[in-house]
Amino acid sequence: MAQERITVRTVAPAPVAIVWTAYTSPEQIREWNFASADWHCPSASVDLREGGQFSSRMEAKDGSMGFDFEGIYTTIVENERIEFAFGDRRAVVEFTPEGDHTRVTVSFDPDAVFPLAQQRSGWQAILDNFSKHVALRAGMSAT
C-alpha cells in the first residue's frame, strides 16, 4: 500500500508573482533552499518547463555532508502550480493568492528510509526559510 503524501504549507508575505519568482529563480533558490542556518545551497539550476530539469545542492557549511536534490518538471502552470518527479517520487507545489500574501502548499511522496515526522519537519523548515526569504526581499515580516 502506498503511503499518503506529506503536506507542508506557509504564507509568504508578497503577491503571487513575486513568490513564484522567488521559488523558481536559481539565484533566489540558493538563498533559501536549506532547513537550518548551518546548511546552505551553493548551487541551483532550473529549466522551468514541462520536461525541464532542476537541481540544487544542499550542503552543511562545515563540509561534513551534502546531497543533490534533482528532478524533472512534469506540469507548470505559471503563478499557480508546479508538479515534479524526483526519482520514483512526485511532488506538487501550489501557489494561492490571499490578498497581498501567497499561500504555498507543498505535497510530496515520502521516502521509505526516513521517519515521516523527520521528512515533514525538514520540508517544513525549508518552506519556512523560503517565507522568511520572501519577507526579507519584500521588506515585510513573515506571517
N, C-alpha and C. Protein backbone atom coordinates (compact mmCIF):
# COMPACT_ATOMS: atom_id res chain seq x y z
N MET A 1 0.84 -1.19 0.00
CA MET A 1 0.00 0.00 0.00
C MET A 1 0.88 1.25 0.00
N ALA A 2 0.60 2.16 -0.89
CA ALA A 2 1.39 3.39 -0.99
C ALA A 2 1.09 4.30 0.19
N GLN A 3 2.13 5.00 0.65
CA GLN A 3 1.95 5.93 1.74
C GLN A 3 1.26 7.19 1.24
N GLU A 4 0.53 7.81 2.13
CA GLU A 4 -0.12 9.06 1.82
C GLU A 4 0.92 10.17 1.70
N ARG A 5 0.64 11.13 0.86
CA ARG A 5 1.56 12.27 0.71
C ARG A 5 1.66 13.07 1.99
N ILE A 6 2.80 13.69 2.16
CA ILE A 6 3.02 14.63 3.26
C ILE A 6 2.78 16.02 2.69
N THR A 7 2.09 16.88 3.47
CA THR A 7 1.81 18.25 3.02
C THR A 7 2.35 19.23 4.04
N VAL A 8 3.07 20.25 3.53
CA VAL A 8 3.54 21.36 4.35
C VAL A 8 3.08 22.64 3.67
N ARG A 9 2.97 23.70 4.46
CA ARG A 9 2.49 24.97 3.88
C ARG A 9 3.02 26.16 4.66
N THR A 10 3.00 27.29 3.97
CA THR A 10 3.37 28.55 4.60
C THR A 10 2.60 29.66 3.88
N VAL A 11 2.57 30.83 4.48
CA VAL A 11 2.03 32.02 3.81
C VAL A 11 3.19 33.00 3.66
N ALA A 12 3.53 33.28 2.41
CA ALA A 12 4.62 34.22 2.11
C ALA A 12 4.05 35.62 1.98
N PRO A 13 4.69 36.62 2.58
CA PRO A 13 4.14 37.97 2.61
C PRO A 13 4.44 38.79 1.35
N ALA A 14 3.94 38.30 0.21
CA ALA A 14 4.12 39.01 -1.06
C ALA A 14 3.09 38.48 -2.06
N PRO A 15 2.81 39.25 -3.10
CA PRO A 15 1.91 38.79 -4.15
C PRO A 15 2.48 37.57 -4.88
N VAL A 16 1.60 36.82 -5.52
CA VAL A 16 1.98 35.54 -6.11
C VAL A 16 3.10 35.66 -7.14
N ALA A 17 3.13 36.70 -7.95
CA ALA A 17 4.18 36.81 -8.97
C ALA A 17 5.57 36.91 -8.33
N ILE A 18 5.68 37.63 -7.22
CA ILE A 18 6.96 37.76 -6.52
C ILE A 18 7.33 36.43 -5.86
N VAL A 19 6.35 35.76 -5.27
CA VAL A 19 6.59 34.48 -4.61
C VAL A 19 7.00 33.43 -5.64
N TRP A 20 6.33 33.41 -6.78
CA TRP A 20 6.67 32.46 -7.86
C TRP A 20 8.12 32.65 -8.29
N THR A 21 8.52 33.89 -8.50
CA THR A 21 9.90 34.17 -8.91
C THR A 21 10.90 33.72 -7.85
N ALA A 22 10.59 33.97 -6.59
CA ALA A 22 11.49 33.56 -5.51
C ALA A 22 11.62 32.04 -5.47
N TYR A 23 10.55 31.33 -5.81
CA TYR A 23 10.57 29.87 -5.74
C TYR A 23 11.26 29.24 -6.94
N THR A 24 11.27 29.95 -8.07
CA THR A 24 11.77 29.35 -9.31
C THR A 24 13.07 29.94 -9.85
N SER A 25 13.58 30.98 -9.24
CA SER A 25 14.81 31.62 -9.69
C SER A 25 16.03 30.96 -9.04
N PRO A 26 16.96 30.43 -9.83
CA PRO A 26 18.14 29.78 -9.24
C PRO A 26 18.90 30.69 -8.27
N GLU A 27 19.00 31.97 -8.58
CA GLU A 27 19.71 32.90 -7.71
C GLU A 27 19.03 32.97 -6.35
N GLN A 28 17.70 33.03 -6.35
CA GLN A 28 16.98 33.10 -5.08
C GLN A 28 16.93 31.74 -4.38
N ILE A 29 16.81 30.66 -5.11
CA ILE A 29 16.80 29.32 -4.51
C ILE A 29 18.05 29.12 -3.66
N ARG A 30 19.19 29.60 -4.14
CA ARG A 30 20.44 29.47 -3.38
C ARG A 30 20.37 30.21 -2.04
N GLU A 31 19.49 31.19 -1.94
CA GLU A 31 19.39 32.00 -0.72
C GLU A 31 18.47 31.39 0.34
N TRP A 32 17.58 30.45 -0.04
CA TRP A 32 16.61 29.93 0.94
C TRP A 32 16.52 28.40 1.02
N ASN A 33 17.08 27.66 0.10
CA ASN A 33 16.81 26.23 0.00
C ASN A 33 17.69 25.38 0.93
N PHE A 34 17.43 25.51 2.23
CA PHE A 34 18.09 24.70 3.26
C PHE A 34 17.25 24.81 4.51
N ALA A 35 17.39 23.81 5.39
CA ALA A 35 16.49 23.70 6.54
C ALA A 35 16.99 24.41 7.80
N SER A 36 18.29 24.68 7.89
CA SER A 36 18.83 25.31 9.09
C SER A 36 20.03 26.18 8.74
N ALA A 37 20.38 27.07 9.66
CA ALA A 37 21.43 28.05 9.40
C ALA A 37 22.81 27.43 9.21
N ASP A 38 23.01 26.18 9.63
CA ASP A 38 24.30 25.54 9.45
C ASP A 38 24.42 24.81 8.11
N TRP A 39 23.41 24.96 7.26
CA TRP A 39 23.42 24.42 5.90
C TRP A 39 23.31 25.57 4.91
N HIS A 40 23.62 25.29 3.66
CA HIS A 40 23.45 26.28 2.60
C HIS A 40 23.19 25.55 1.28
N CYS A 41 22.89 26.33 0.27
CA CYS A 41 22.60 25.80 -1.07
C CYS A 41 23.56 26.50 -2.04
N PRO A 42 24.75 25.92 -2.25
CA PRO A 42 25.75 26.61 -3.06
C PRO A 42 25.45 26.66 -4.56
N SER A 43 24.57 25.78 -5.05
CA SER A 43 24.25 25.83 -6.47
C SER A 43 22.83 25.38 -6.72
N ALA A 44 22.23 25.95 -7.77
CA ALA A 44 20.88 25.58 -8.18
C ALA A 44 20.74 25.86 -9.67
N SER A 45 20.02 25.00 -10.35
CA SER A 45 19.71 25.23 -11.76
C SER A 45 18.25 24.89 -12.00
N VAL A 46 17.62 25.64 -12.90
CA VAL A 46 16.20 25.49 -13.18
C VAL A 46 15.97 25.63 -14.67
N ASP A 47 15.31 24.63 -15.26
CA ASP A 47 14.81 24.70 -16.64
C ASP A 47 13.29 24.61 -16.52
N LEU A 48 12.67 25.76 -16.25
CA LEU A 48 11.26 25.82 -15.85
C LEU A 48 10.32 25.64 -17.04
N ARG A 49 10.18 24.38 -17.43
CA ARG A 49 9.24 23.98 -18.47
C ARG A 49 8.93 22.51 -18.25
N GLU A 50 7.79 22.07 -18.76
CA GLU A 50 7.45 20.66 -18.62
C GLU A 50 8.50 19.83 -19.33
N GLY A 51 9.07 18.87 -18.64
CA GLY A 51 10.18 18.07 -19.15
C GLY A 51 11.53 18.66 -18.82
N GLY A 52 11.56 19.88 -18.28
CA GLY A 52 12.81 20.53 -17.90
C GLY A 52 13.33 19.97 -16.59
N GLN A 53 14.64 20.05 -16.41
CA GLN A 53 15.26 19.52 -15.20
C GLN A 53 15.58 20.63 -14.21
N PHE A 54 15.63 20.25 -12.94
CA PHE A 54 16.10 21.17 -11.90
C PHE A 54 17.08 20.42 -11.02
N SER A 55 17.93 21.18 -10.36
CA SER A 55 18.88 20.59 -9.43
C SER A 55 19.29 21.65 -8.41
N SER A 56 19.44 21.23 -7.17
CA SER A 56 20.01 22.11 -6.16
C SER A 56 20.90 21.28 -5.26
N ARG A 57 21.98 21.88 -4.85
CA ARG A 57 22.95 21.23 -3.97
C ARG A 57 22.74 21.77 -2.57
N MET A 58 22.49 20.89 -1.62
CA MET A 58 22.37 21.28 -0.23
C MET A 58 23.57 20.69 0.51
N GLU A 59 24.26 21.52 1.29
CA GLU A 59 25.47 21.08 2.00
C GLU A 59 25.52 21.70 3.39
N ALA A 60 26.09 20.94 4.31
CA ALA A 60 26.43 21.50 5.61
C ALA A 60 27.55 22.52 5.38
N LYS A 61 27.48 23.66 6.04
CA LYS A 61 28.50 24.69 5.85
C LYS A 61 29.89 24.22 6.24
N ASP A 62 29.97 23.25 7.16
CA ASP A 62 31.28 22.74 7.57
C ASP A 62 31.82 21.67 6.62
N GLY A 63 31.07 21.37 5.55
CA GLY A 63 31.52 20.41 4.55
C GLY A 63 31.38 18.95 4.95
N SER A 64 30.75 18.68 6.09
CA SER A 64 30.68 17.30 6.59
C SER A 64 29.72 16.42 5.81
N MET A 65 28.72 17.01 5.14
CA MET A 65 27.78 16.23 4.35
C MET A 65 27.06 17.13 3.37
N GLY A 66 26.44 16.51 2.39
CA GLY A 66 25.67 17.24 1.40
C GLY A 66 25.00 16.29 0.45
N PHE A 67 24.07 16.81 -0.33
CA PHE A 67 23.38 15.99 -1.32
C PHE A 67 22.80 16.87 -2.41
N ASP A 68 22.53 16.25 -3.54
CA ASP A 68 21.87 16.93 -4.66
C ASP A 68 20.41 16.55 -4.65
N PHE A 69 19.55 17.54 -4.80
CA PHE A 69 18.11 17.31 -4.95
C PHE A 69 17.79 17.68 -6.39
N GLU A 70 17.36 16.69 -7.16
CA GLU A 70 17.13 16.95 -8.58
C GLU A 70 15.94 16.17 -9.09
N GLY A 71 15.38 16.68 -10.17
CA GLY A 71 14.22 16.02 -10.76
C GLY A 71 13.82 16.67 -12.07
N ILE A 72 12.60 16.34 -12.48
CA ILE A 72 12.06 16.81 -13.77
C ILE A 72 10.68 17.41 -13.53
N TYR A 73 10.47 18.59 -14.08
CA TYR A 73 9.16 19.22 -14.00
C TYR A 73 8.18 18.47 -14.91
N THR A 74 7.02 18.14 -14.37
CA THR A 74 6.01 17.43 -15.15
C THR A 74 4.83 18.32 -15.52
N THR A 75 4.54 19.34 -14.72
CA THR A 75 3.47 20.30 -15.00
C THR A 75 3.89 21.67 -14.50
N ILE A 76 3.73 22.67 -15.34
CA ILE A 76 3.99 24.05 -14.96
C ILE A 76 2.77 24.89 -15.33
N VAL A 77 2.14 25.51 -14.35
CA VAL A 77 1.07 26.49 -14.58
C VAL A 77 1.54 27.75 -13.88
N GLU A 78 2.04 28.70 -14.66
CA GLU A 78 2.70 29.87 -14.10
C GLU A 78 1.86 30.56 -13.03
N ASN A 79 2.52 30.87 -11.91
CA ASN A 79 1.92 31.55 -10.76
C ASN A 79 0.85 30.73 -10.06
N GLU A 80 0.69 29.44 -10.42
CA GLU A 80 -0.34 28.60 -9.80
C GLU A 80 0.16 27.27 -9.28
N ARG A 81 0.91 26.54 -10.12
CA ARG A 81 1.20 25.14 -9.77
C ARG A 81 2.46 24.64 -10.46
N ILE A 82 3.25 23.88 -9.71
CA ILE A 82 4.41 23.17 -10.24
C ILE A 82 4.29 21.73 -9.77
N GLU A 83 4.42 20.80 -10.70
CA GLU A 83 4.49 19.39 -10.35
C GLU A 83 5.82 18.87 -10.85
N PHE A 84 6.44 17.98 -10.06
CA PHE A 84 7.73 17.44 -10.47
C PHE A 84 7.91 16.02 -9.96
N ALA A 85 8.80 15.32 -10.66
CA ALA A 85 9.19 13.97 -10.26
C ALA A 85 10.64 14.04 -9.80
N PHE A 86 10.93 13.32 -8.74
CA PHE A 86 12.31 13.19 -8.26
C PHE A 86 12.50 11.72 -7.89
N GLY A 87 13.28 11.04 -8.71
CA GLY A 87 13.37 9.59 -8.57
C GLY A 87 12.01 8.98 -8.90
N ASP A 88 11.56 8.06 -8.06
CA ASP A 88 10.25 7.45 -8.29
C ASP A 88 9.16 8.14 -7.46
N ARG A 89 9.47 9.32 -6.96
CA ARG A 89 8.52 10.09 -6.14
C ARG A 89 8.02 11.30 -6.90
N ARG A 90 6.93 11.87 -6.42
CA ARG A 90 6.30 13.03 -7.04
C ARG A 90 6.02 14.09 -5.99
N ALA A 91 5.92 15.35 -6.44
CA ALA A 91 5.56 16.45 -5.56
C ALA A 91 4.74 17.47 -6.33
N VAL A 92 3.94 18.23 -5.60
CA VAL A 92 3.11 19.30 -6.15
C VAL A 92 3.32 20.53 -5.28
N VAL A 93 3.54 21.68 -5.92
CA VAL A 93 3.65 22.95 -5.22
C VAL A 93 2.53 23.84 -5.75
N GLU A 94 1.69 24.34 -4.85
CA GLU A 94 0.57 25.19 -5.25
C GLU A 94 0.74 26.58 -4.65
N PHE A 95 0.45 27.60 -5.45
CA PHE A 95 0.56 29.00 -5.07
C PHE A 95 -0.85 29.59 -5.09
N THR A 96 -1.36 30.01 -3.92
CA THR A 96 -2.73 30.52 -3.81
C THR A 96 -2.69 31.94 -3.27
N PRO A 97 -3.15 32.92 -4.08
CA PRO A 97 -3.18 34.30 -3.59
C PRO A 97 -4.14 34.44 -2.40
N GLU A 98 -3.69 35.17 -1.40
CA GLU A 98 -4.52 35.52 -0.24
C GLU A 98 -4.30 36.99 0.03
N GLY A 99 -5.05 37.83 -0.67
CA GLY A 99 -4.85 39.27 -0.57
C GLY A 99 -3.48 39.62 -1.13
N ASP A 100 -2.65 40.33 -0.34
CA ASP A 100 -1.30 40.68 -0.80
C ASP A 100 -0.26 39.66 -0.34
N HIS A 101 -0.72 38.48 0.11
CA HIS A 101 0.14 37.37 0.51
C HIS A 101 -0.13 36.19 -0.41
N THR A 102 0.69 35.16 -0.28
CA THR A 102 0.51 33.96 -1.10
C THR A 102 0.70 32.71 -0.23
N ARG A 103 -0.29 31.84 -0.24
CA ARG A 103 -0.15 30.55 0.44
C ARG A 103 0.60 29.60 -0.49
N VAL A 104 1.65 28.99 0.03
CA VAL A 104 2.42 28.00 -0.73
C VAL A 104 2.22 26.65 -0.03
N THR A 105 1.71 25.69 -0.78
CA THR A 105 1.44 24.36 -0.26
C THR A 105 2.26 23.35 -1.06
N VAL A 106 3.04 22.54 -0.36
CA VAL A 106 3.86 21.51 -0.99
C VAL A 106 3.39 20.15 -0.48
N SER A 107 3.02 19.28 -1.41
CA SER A 107 2.65 17.90 -1.08
C SER A 107 3.62 16.98 -1.80
N PHE A 108 4.15 16.00 -1.08
CA PHE A 108 5.17 15.13 -1.70
C PHE A 108 5.02 13.70 -1.21
N ASP A 109 5.45 12.78 -2.06
CA ASP A 109 5.50 11.37 -1.70
C ASP A 109 6.67 11.17 -0.75
N PRO A 110 6.43 10.58 0.43
CA PRO A 110 7.54 10.35 1.35
C PRO A 110 8.45 9.23 0.85
N ASP A 111 9.68 9.23 1.34
CA ASP A 111 10.56 8.11 1.02
C ASP A 111 10.37 7.02 2.08
N ALA A 112 10.94 5.87 1.84
CA ALA A 112 10.77 4.74 2.75
C ALA A 112 11.90 4.64 3.76
N VAL A 113 12.86 5.59 3.72
CA VAL A 113 14.05 5.49 4.55
C VAL A 113 13.89 6.27 5.87
N PHE A 114 13.49 7.52 5.78
CA PHE A 114 13.44 8.38 6.95
C PHE A 114 12.04 8.41 7.55
N PRO A 115 11.94 8.60 8.87
CA PRO A 115 10.62 8.69 9.51
C PRO A 115 9.79 9.84 8.91
N LEU A 116 8.47 9.63 8.83
CA LEU A 116 7.59 10.64 8.25
C LEU A 116 7.71 11.97 8.97
N ALA A 117 7.77 11.95 10.29
CA ALA A 117 7.88 13.21 11.05
C ALA A 117 9.16 13.96 10.68
N GLN A 118 10.25 13.25 10.47
CA GLN A 118 11.51 13.89 10.09
C GLN A 118 11.40 14.51 8.70
N GLN A 119 10.76 13.80 7.77
CA GLN A 119 10.58 14.34 6.42
C GLN A 119 9.70 15.59 6.46
N ARG A 120 8.59 15.50 7.20
CA ARG A 120 7.68 16.64 7.30
C ARG A 120 8.40 17.85 7.90
N SER A 121 9.14 17.64 8.99
CA SER A 121 9.79 18.79 9.64
C SER A 121 10.90 19.37 8.77
N GLY A 122 11.62 18.54 8.03
CA GLY A 122 12.67 19.05 7.14
C GLY A 122 12.10 19.89 6.01
N TRP A 123 11.07 19.37 5.34
CA TRP A 123 10.46 20.13 4.24
C TRP A 123 9.78 21.39 4.77
N GLN A 124 9.16 21.31 5.97
CA GLN A 124 8.53 22.49 6.55
C GLN A 124 9.57 23.54 6.89
N ALA A 125 10.72 23.13 7.42
CA ALA A 125 11.78 24.08 7.76
C ALA A 125 12.28 24.81 6.52
N ILE A 126 12.42 24.09 5.41
CA ILE A 126 12.84 24.72 4.16
C ILE A 126 11.77 25.71 3.70
N LEU A 127 10.50 25.33 3.78
CA LEU A 127 9.42 26.23 3.36
C LEU A 127 9.34 27.45 4.27
N ASP A 128 9.56 27.26 5.57
CA ASP A 128 9.59 28.41 6.49
C ASP A 128 10.75 29.34 6.13
N ASN A 129 11.90 28.77 5.78
CA ASN A 129 13.05 29.57 5.37
C ASN A 129 12.71 30.35 4.09
N PHE A 130 11.97 29.70 3.18
CA PHE A 130 11.51 30.36 1.96
C PHE A 130 10.66 31.59 2.30
N SER A 131 9.70 31.43 3.21
CA SER A 131 8.83 32.54 3.58
C SER A 131 9.63 33.69 4.19
N LYS A 132 10.61 33.37 5.03
CA LYS A 132 11.47 34.41 5.61
C LYS A 132 12.26 35.13 4.52
N HIS A 133 12.74 34.38 3.54
CA HIS A 133 13.46 34.96 2.40
C HIS A 133 12.57 35.96 1.65
N VAL A 134 11.34 35.53 1.36
CA VAL A 134 10.39 36.41 0.66
C VAL A 134 10.14 37.67 1.49
N ALA A 135 9.96 37.50 2.79
CA ALA A 135 9.71 38.65 3.67
C ALA A 135 10.88 39.63 3.63
N LEU A 136 12.11 39.12 3.68
CA LEU A 136 13.27 40.00 3.61
C LEU A 136 13.34 40.73 2.28
N ARG A 137 13.08 39.99 1.20
CA ARG A 137 13.10 40.60 -0.13
C ARG A 137 12.02 41.65 -0.29
N ALA A 138 10.86 41.39 0.34
CA ALA A 138 9.72 42.31 0.20
C ALA A 138 9.73 43.41 1.26
N GLY A 139 10.66 43.30 2.23
CA GLY A 139 10.73 44.30 3.29
C GLY A 139 9.56 44.22 4.26
N MET A 140 9.04 42.98 4.45
CA MET A 140 7.89 42.78 5.33
C MET A 140 8.24 41.74 6.38
N SER A 141 7.34 41.53 7.33
CA SER A 141 7.57 40.47 8.32
C SER A 141 6.84 39.20 7.89
N ALA A 142 7.46 38.06 8.14
CA ALA A 142 6.84 36.78 7.79
C ALA A 142 5.66 36.53 8.72
N THR A 143 4.62 35.89 8.17
CA THR A 143 3.45 35.57 8.99
C THR A 143 3.38 34.11 9.27
